[in-house]
Protein backbone atom coordinates (compact mmCIF):
# COMPACT_ATOMS: atom_id res chain seq x y z
CA MET A 1 67.63 99.55 106.90
CA SER A 2 69.11 99.89 110.40
CA VAL A 3 72.86 99.99 110.96
CA ARG A 4 72.63 96.61 112.68
CA ALA A 5 70.81 95.04 109.73
CA PHE A 6 73.27 96.69 107.33
CA TYR A 7 76.29 95.10 108.98
CA SER A 8 74.55 91.76 109.54
CA ASN A 9 74.08 91.52 105.76
CA LEU A 10 77.74 92.33 105.14
CA PHE A 11 79.39 90.43 107.99
CA PRO A 12 79.58 86.99 106.30
CA ALA A 13 81.06 88.56 103.16
CA ALA A 14 83.54 90.57 105.24
CA ILE A 15 84.68 87.46 107.12
CA ALA A 16 85.03 85.58 103.82
CA ALA A 17 87.12 88.43 102.37
CA PHE A 18 89.28 88.59 105.51
CA ILE A 19 90.03 84.85 105.52
CA ASP A 20 90.66 84.84 101.77
CA PHE A 21 93.21 87.63 101.99
CA VAL A 22 94.86 86.20 105.09
CA GLY A 23 95.62 83.20 102.87
CA ILE A 24 96.84 85.36 100.00
CA GLY A 25 98.90 87.39 102.47
CA ILE A 26 100.57 84.21 103.71
CA VAL A 27 101.47 82.99 100.22
CA ILE A 28 102.78 86.16 98.55
CA PRO A 29 105.76 86.93 100.85
CA ILE A 30 107.02 83.34 101.08
CA SER A 31 106.54 82.42 97.41
CA PRO A 32 109.90 83.84 96.22
CA PHE A 33 111.82 81.98 98.92
CA TYR A 34 109.85 78.79 98.31
CA ALA A 35 110.57 79.01 94.58
CA GLN A 36 114.28 79.42 95.31
CA LYS A 37 114.23 75.94 96.88
CA PHE A 38 113.52 74.63 93.37
CA GLY A 39 116.36 76.67 91.86
CA ALA A 40 114.18 79.48 90.46
CA THR A 41 115.97 82.50 89.01
CA PRO A 42 114.73 86.07 89.69
CA LEU A 43 112.98 86.07 86.31
CA GLU A 44 111.29 82.74 87.04
CA ILE A 45 110.13 84.09 90.41
CA ALA A 46 108.65 87.15 88.70
CA LEU A 47 106.87 84.88 86.21
CA LEU A 48 105.34 83.03 89.15
CA PHE A 49 103.37 86.18 89.98
CA THR A 50 102.53 86.66 86.30
CA ALA A 51 101.15 83.11 86.23
CA TYR A 52 98.59 84.19 88.83
CA SER A 53 97.60 87.49 87.21
CA ALA A 54 97.52 86.49 83.53
CA PRO A 55 94.50 84.11 83.69
CA GLN A 56 92.51 86.73 85.60
CA VAL A 57 92.81 89.18 82.71
CA ILE A 58 90.65 86.87 80.57
CA LEU A 59 88.67 84.80 83.07
CA SER A 60 87.60 87.40 85.68
CA PRO A 61 85.00 88.98 83.35
CA LEU A 62 83.67 85.49 82.58
CA TRP A 63 83.15 84.65 86.27
CA GLY A 64 81.58 88.06 86.84
CA ARG A 65 79.10 87.61 83.99
CA LEU A 66 78.19 84.11 85.14
CA SER A 67 77.63 85.38 88.70
CA ASP A 68 75.24 88.00 87.29
CA ARG A 69 73.24 85.22 85.69
CA PHE A 70 73.44 82.38 88.23
CA GLY A 71 74.18 84.14 91.52
CA ARG A 72 77.20 85.16 93.60
CA LYS A 73 77.44 82.20 95.96
CA PRO A 74 78.18 79.43 93.41
CA PHE A 75 81.18 81.29 92.02
CA LEU A 76 82.55 82.15 95.42
CA LEU A 77 82.43 78.42 96.17
CA ILE A 78 84.17 77.59 92.87
CA GLY A 79 86.87 80.17 93.57
CA LEU A 80 87.50 78.95 97.11
CA GLY A 81 87.54 75.34 95.95
CA GLY A 82 90.11 76.27 93.31
CA GLU A 83 92.22 78.02 95.93
CA PHE A 84 92.13 74.94 98.18
CA VAL A 85 93.33 72.68 95.35
CA SER A 86 96.02 75.15 94.30
CA TYR A 87 97.38 75.56 97.84
CA ILE A 88 97.55 71.79 98.37
CA LEU A 89 99.40 71.46 95.06
CA LEU A 90 101.69 74.31 96.10
CA ALA A 91 102.48 72.73 99.46
CA PHE A 92 103.38 69.34 97.95
CA ALA A 93 104.91 70.57 94.68
CA PRO A 94 107.74 68.26 93.57
CA SER A 95 109.20 70.78 91.09
CA LEU A 96 109.02 74.38 89.92
CA VAL A 97 106.56 73.45 87.16
CA TYR A 98 103.96 72.51 89.77
CA LEU A 99 104.33 75.93 91.38
CA TYR A 100 103.35 77.52 88.07
CA ILE A 101 100.42 75.13 87.65
CA SER A 102 99.25 75.95 91.17
CA ARG A 103 99.32 79.70 90.57
CA VAL A 104 97.53 79.38 87.22
CA ILE A 105 94.75 77.35 88.89
CA SER A 106 94.43 79.85 91.73
CA GLY A 107 94.39 82.87 89.43
CA GLY A 108 92.15 81.32 86.79
CA LEU A 109 89.43 80.03 89.10
CA SER A 110 89.40 82.91 91.53
CA ALA A 111 87.41 86.07 91.04
CA ASN A 112 86.50 86.09 94.72
CA PHE A 113 87.04 89.76 95.47
CA ALA A 114 85.06 90.99 92.47
CA VAL A 115 82.21 88.60 93.31
CA ILE A 116 82.23 89.71 96.97
CA GLN A 117 82.10 93.35 95.86
CA SER A 118 79.19 92.48 93.56
CA TYR A 119 77.45 90.85 96.52
CA VAL A 120 77.91 94.09 98.49
CA ALA A 121 76.43 96.08 95.60
CA ASP A 122 73.46 93.69 95.57
CA VAL A 123 72.65 94.06 99.28
CA THR A 124 73.33 97.78 99.81
CA THR A 125 71.47 100.89 98.77
CA GLU A 126 73.27 103.48 96.67
CA GLU A 127 73.50 105.79 99.69
CA ARG A 128 75.35 103.17 101.74
CA ARG A 129 77.39 101.50 99.01
CA VAL A 130 80.66 103.29 99.76
CA ARG A 131 80.23 102.30 103.39
CA GLY A 132 79.72 98.67 102.40
CA LEU A 133 82.64 98.57 99.97
CA GLY A 134 84.82 100.34 102.53
CA PHE A 135 83.88 97.74 105.15
CA ILE A 136 84.95 94.96 102.79
CA GLY A 137 88.12 96.89 101.93
CA ALA A 138 88.96 97.16 105.62
CA SER A 139 88.55 93.39 105.97
CA VAL A 140 90.93 92.87 103.06
CA GLY A 141 93.44 95.29 104.60
CA LEU A 142 93.36 93.45 107.91
CA GLY A 143 93.86 90.17 106.07
CA PHE A 144 96.96 91.55 104.39
CA ILE A 145 98.30 92.62 107.80
CA VAL A 146 97.64 89.30 109.54
CA GLY A 147 98.60 87.01 106.63
CA PRO A 148 102.26 88.01 106.18
CA ALA A 149 102.79 87.94 109.96
CA ILE A 150 101.45 84.37 110.14
CA GLY A 151 103.42 83.28 107.08
CA GLY A 152 106.66 84.73 108.38
CA THR A 153 106.19 83.18 111.82
CA LEU A 154 105.31 79.69 110.57
CA SER A 155 107.98 79.64 107.86
CA VAL A 156 110.58 78.80 110.52
CA TYR A 157 108.95 75.34 110.56
CA GLY A 158 109.37 75.01 106.80
CA TYR A 159 107.39 76.52 103.95
CA ARG A 160 104.95 73.62 103.78
CA THR A 161 103.49 74.51 107.19
CA PRO A 162 102.10 77.97 106.29
CA LEU A 163 100.99 76.67 102.88
CA LEU A 164 98.97 73.86 104.48
CA LEU A 165 97.44 76.40 106.86
CA THR A 166 96.45 78.46 103.82
CA ALA A 167 94.77 75.42 102.27
CA PHE A 168 92.90 74.81 105.52
CA LEU A 169 91.75 78.45 105.59
CA ALA A 170 90.44 78.16 102.02
CA LEU A 171 88.51 75.01 102.97
CA ALA A 172 87.13 76.64 106.12
CA ASN A 173 86.14 79.68 104.09
CA LEU A 174 84.34 77.45 101.60
CA GLY A 175 82.34 75.98 104.48
CA LEU A 176 81.56 79.45 105.83
CA VAL A 177 80.24 80.63 102.47
CA TRP A 178 78.28 77.41 101.94
CA PHE A 179 76.47 77.49 105.29
CA ILE A 180 76.29 81.18 106.27
CA LEU A 181 76.36 83.42 103.20
CA LYS A 182 72.89 83.93 101.75
CA GLU A 183 72.38 84.50 98.06
CA PRO A 184 71.10 88.08 97.53
CA ALA A 185 67.42 88.23 96.64
CA VAL A 186 67.83 90.17 93.40
CA ARG A 187 66.43 89.65 89.94
CA ARG A 188 68.67 87.62 87.63
CA THR A 189 68.32 87.79 83.88
CA SER A 190 69.66 85.67 81.04
CA VAL A 191 69.98 88.75 78.82
CA ARG A 192 73.63 89.76 78.68
CA ARG A 193 75.00 92.96 77.25
CA PRO A 194 78.33 92.83 75.37
CA LEU A 195 81.33 93.49 77.63
CA ARG A 196 82.18 96.45 75.42
CA GLU A 197 78.87 98.02 76.42
CA VAL A 198 79.43 97.28 80.12
CA PHE A 199 82.90 98.83 79.86
CA GLY A 200 81.39 101.89 78.22
CA TYR A 201 79.11 102.62 81.18
CA ALA A 202 82.12 103.66 83.28
CA LYS A 203 84.97 103.83 80.77
CA PRO A 204 86.85 106.77 82.36
CA ILE A 205 86.74 105.10 85.78
CA TYR A 206 88.28 101.94 84.36
CA VAL A 207 90.94 103.90 82.46
CA SER A 208 91.88 106.10 85.41
CA GLY A 209 91.92 103.09 87.74
CA GLY A 210 94.23 101.23 85.36
CA LEU A 211 96.63 104.17 85.21
CA VAL A 212 96.68 104.52 88.99
CA ASN A 213 97.28 100.80 89.46
CA LEU A 214 100.09 100.91 86.90
CA ALA A 215 101.85 103.41 89.16
CA PHE A 216 101.04 101.51 92.35
CA VAL A 217 102.41 98.20 91.06
CA GLY A 218 105.65 99.91 90.07
CA LEU A 219 105.92 101.06 93.69
CA GLN A 220 105.14 97.59 95.02
CA VAL A 221 107.93 95.88 93.11
CA THR A 222 110.59 98.53 93.77
CA LEU A 223 109.84 100.02 97.20
CA ALA A 224 112.05 97.63 99.17
CA LEU A 225 114.96 98.27 96.79
CA TYR A 226 114.26 102.03 96.86
CA VAL A 227 114.49 102.39 100.65
CA GLN A 228 117.42 99.98 100.79
CA ALA A 229 119.37 102.06 98.27
CA LEU A 230 118.55 105.41 99.88
CA TYR A 231 118.39 104.64 103.61
CA GLY A 232 119.84 101.17 104.09
CA TRP A 233 116.51 99.73 105.23
CA GLY A 234 116.06 95.97 105.46
CA ALA A 235 113.08 93.63 105.35
CA PHE A 236 112.09 94.39 108.94
CA ASN A 237 111.87 98.16 108.35
CA VAL A 238 109.86 97.68 105.16
CA GLY A 239 107.53 95.22 106.88
CA VAL A 240 106.85 97.59 109.77
CA ILE A 241 106.05 100.60 107.59
CA LEU A 242 103.85 98.56 105.24
CA ALA A 243 101.99 97.09 108.20
CA ALA A 244 101.40 100.64 109.46
CA VAL A 245 100.11 101.64 106.02
CA GLY A 246 97.79 98.63 106.11
CA VAL A 247 96.40 99.70 109.48
CA ILE A 248 95.76 103.20 108.11
CA GLU A 249 93.95 101.75 105.09
CA ALA A 250 91.79 99.46 107.22
CA ALA A 251 90.87 102.28 109.61
CA ILE A 252 89.94 104.75 106.87
CA GLN A 253 88.01 102.27 104.74
CA GLY A 254 86.20 100.90 107.76
CA GLY A 255 85.22 104.16 109.44
CA VAL A 256 86.07 107.31 107.49
CA VAL A 257 85.60 107.02 103.74
CA HIS A 258 81.81 106.65 103.84
CA LYS A 259 81.49 109.79 105.97
CA LEU A 260 83.61 111.80 103.54
CA ALA A 261 81.68 110.42 100.58
CA ALA A 262 78.38 111.37 102.23
CA LYS A 263 79.64 114.91 102.82
CA LEU A 264 81.70 115.58 99.68
CA GLY A 265 80.26 113.09 97.21
CA GLU A 266 81.96 110.03 95.79
CA TRP A 267 83.50 111.81 92.80
CA VAL A 268 85.20 114.41 95.00
CA THR A 269 86.29 111.82 97.57
CA ALA A 270 87.87 109.64 94.88
CA SER A 271 89.52 112.70 93.30
CA VAL A 272 91.02 113.68 96.66
CA GLY A 273 92.33 110.13 97.03
CA ILE A 274 93.96 110.20 93.60
CA GLY A 275 95.42 113.62 94.41
CA LEU A 276 97.01 112.26 97.60
CA LEU A 277 98.49 109.40 95.59
CA GLY A 278 99.97 111.98 93.24
CA ALA A 279 101.51 113.80 96.22
CA CYS A 280 102.97 110.49 97.41
CA PHE A 281 104.65 109.78 94.08
CA PHE A 282 105.88 113.37 93.77
CA ALA A 283 107.61 113.07 97.15
CA LEU A 284 109.15 109.71 96.22
CA SER A 285 110.34 111.02 92.84
CA ILE A 286 112.50 113.68 94.54
CA PRO A 287 113.68 111.87 97.69
CA LEU A 288 114.67 114.33 100.42
CA THR A 289 114.76 112.64 103.82
CA VAL A 290 113.54 109.42 105.39
CA TYR A 291 110.75 111.38 107.10
CA VAL A 292 109.45 112.65 103.77
CA THR A 293 109.44 109.07 102.49
CA ILE A 294 107.47 107.89 105.53
CA LEU A 295 104.99 110.75 105.03
CA ALA A 296 104.66 109.77 101.36
CA LEU A 297 103.79 106.19 102.33
CA VAL A 298 101.17 107.46 104.78
CA LEU A 299 99.67 109.48 101.91
CA LEU A 300 99.71 106.27 99.87
CA GLY A 301 97.56 104.48 102.44
CA VAL A 302 95.13 107.38 102.81
CA GLY A 303 94.86 107.93 99.06
CA LEU A 304 94.14 104.29 98.24
CA SER A 305 91.56 104.11 101.03
CA LEU A 306 89.64 107.09 99.68
CA ALA A 307 89.94 106.34 95.96
CA GLN A 308 89.22 102.62 95.67
CA PRO A 309 85.83 102.20 97.41
CA SER A 310 84.55 105.52 96.06
CA ALA A 311 85.50 104.67 92.47
CA ASN A 312 84.01 101.17 92.70
CA SER A 313 80.80 102.59 94.11
CA ILE A 314 80.61 105.03 91.19
CA ILE A 315 81.02 102.12 88.77
CA THR A 316 78.02 100.34 90.28
CA LYS A 317 75.93 103.51 90.03
CA LEU A 318 76.80 103.93 86.36
CA THR A 319 75.99 100.27 85.64
CA PRO A 320 72.59 98.52 85.55
CA PRO A 321 72.11 96.27 88.62
CA ASP A 322 72.01 93.07 86.55
CA GLU A 323 75.58 93.75 85.36
CA TYR A 324 77.30 94.47 88.69
CA GLY A 325 79.33 91.26 88.49
CA SER A 326 80.51 92.00 84.96
CA ALA A 327 81.36 95.60 85.83
CA LEU A 328 83.37 94.84 88.97
CA SER A 329 85.10 91.82 87.45
CA LEU A 330 86.33 94.16 84.70
CA VAL A 331 88.05 96.10 87.49
CA GLN A 332 89.82 92.90 88.56
CA SER A 333 90.73 92.08 84.96
CA ILE A 334 92.21 95.54 84.35
CA THR A 335 94.02 95.37 87.68
CA SER A 336 95.58 92.03 86.73
CA LEU A 337 96.65 93.35 83.32
CA THR A 338 98.25 96.47 84.79
CA ASN A 339 99.88 94.31 87.49
CA ILE A 340 101.76 92.46 84.76
CA VAL A 341 102.69 95.58 82.79
CA GLY A 342 103.52 97.62 85.90
CA GLN A 343 105.91 94.99 87.25
CA VAL A 344 107.89 95.05 84.01
CA ILE A 345 107.95 98.84 83.71
CA GLY A 346 108.73 99.49 87.38
CA GLY A 347 111.47 96.90 87.61
CA GLY A 348 112.99 97.92 84.29
CA LEU A 349 113.06 101.63 85.10
CA PHE A 350 114.62 100.96 88.51
CA GLN A 351 117.31 98.68 87.10
CA TYR A 352 118.20 100.51 83.90
CA VAL A 353 117.37 104.20 84.53
CA SER A 354 117.47 105.31 88.18
CA VAL A 355 116.13 104.73 91.67
CA GLU A 356 113.58 107.53 91.23
CA ALA A 357 112.50 106.64 87.67
CA PRO A 358 109.59 104.30 88.59
CA TYR A 359 108.10 107.06 90.74
CA ILE A 360 108.47 109.73 88.08
CA PHE A 361 106.68 107.39 85.67
CA GLY A 362 104.10 106.67 88.38
CA LEU A 363 103.50 110.38 88.94
CA VAL A 364 102.84 110.88 85.22
CA ALA A 365 100.44 107.91 85.20
CA ILE A 366 98.54 109.19 88.26
CA VAL A 367 98.25 112.74 86.94
CA SER A 368 96.93 111.32 83.66
CA GLY A 369 94.46 109.15 85.56
CA CYS A 370 93.34 112.12 87.65
CA VAL A 371 92.70 114.21 84.53
CA VAL A 372 90.65 111.41 82.95
CA PHE A 373 88.66 110.91 86.15
CA THR A 374 87.90 114.52 87.05
CA THR A 375 86.91 115.55 83.52
CA ALA A 376 84.46 112.65 83.24
CA GLN A 377 82.08 113.60 86.04
CA SER A 378 79.93 116.02 84.05
CA ARG A 379 79.69 113.64 81.08
CA TYR A 380 78.73 110.44 82.89
CA LYS A 381 75.35 110.10 84.52
CA PRO A 382 73.84 106.95 86.02
CA PRO A 383 71.52 105.01 83.69
CA LEU A 384 67.85 104.78 84.53
CA LYS A 385 67.34 101.89 86.94
CA PRO A 386 64.40 99.55 86.31
């Protein structure tokens, strides 16, 4: 397959991922402020994010398994349709209860990213899979850069304006997928293996990924408070540095990670990424200067960019092709579960122990994940492909 044909296969999926995460990027930053209009307490705002993640823990594997049987496109359409309904409900919510209902609908019906990754696995060869997953990851990263900027800019006209734009983007994305995205020409089978068996194909990758995400979520929920307490940073400073990290992630996933994986191998590339994440959390656990903190956040972007696409590619190579959807939706399910747990642990450690405590915990989690990952390579070999 030529490079041109390779990217032509992926381009519709990359555009769909970009638009999807522009919408998510619009909603996430303004949700706390929007909820405050309805008198939400800090705990109720936190539960708003839990309402999105909790249904995905259970339902993501279901959507993944169904997409293995009936195809990727129908479940992308269902997910985007659910997002459209949820965003309309969010924009016109008369009370806080409707905000929760909206987030449950969006989280429960959406396994878009896992299905898009499964689509990439369907249309790429093993040799080019990291490149394909990195390309999609870069699209997601760009979406997370553009989305918050749009949401923040339009919020001066009221929160309903960016939320209605998000609904429009979901509807436009649904049309794009309907008319442009082609269903991969792969063999579908009605024979389904138990999820326990699918999990077993790449168990150490799932476990290490869950541990790493547990650390990362703790950073997400406490970083703004961390730099405020240590350096007096405000929302603008945090936004700028996170945007820079997003640019780094997009650049590496789009143009670097596949070259490293081709040269070093996916296991080594992912291990290097996890190691850089460990260095990031080590630096944050013993804060020295603002420059060390900035360097740590750069390491965060580089580490995530190397680890995520490489690990997901390994999962597909350890899994039979007719279970790609189940395997990658398990990643989303585990991510959602650790999102919930990590928010509680990170916030609790920051509030009740110390500013550095979430990062010390995160360092322990990442080191544990790295040990699980690196010791698994010799024991896990890809199954025979039909």
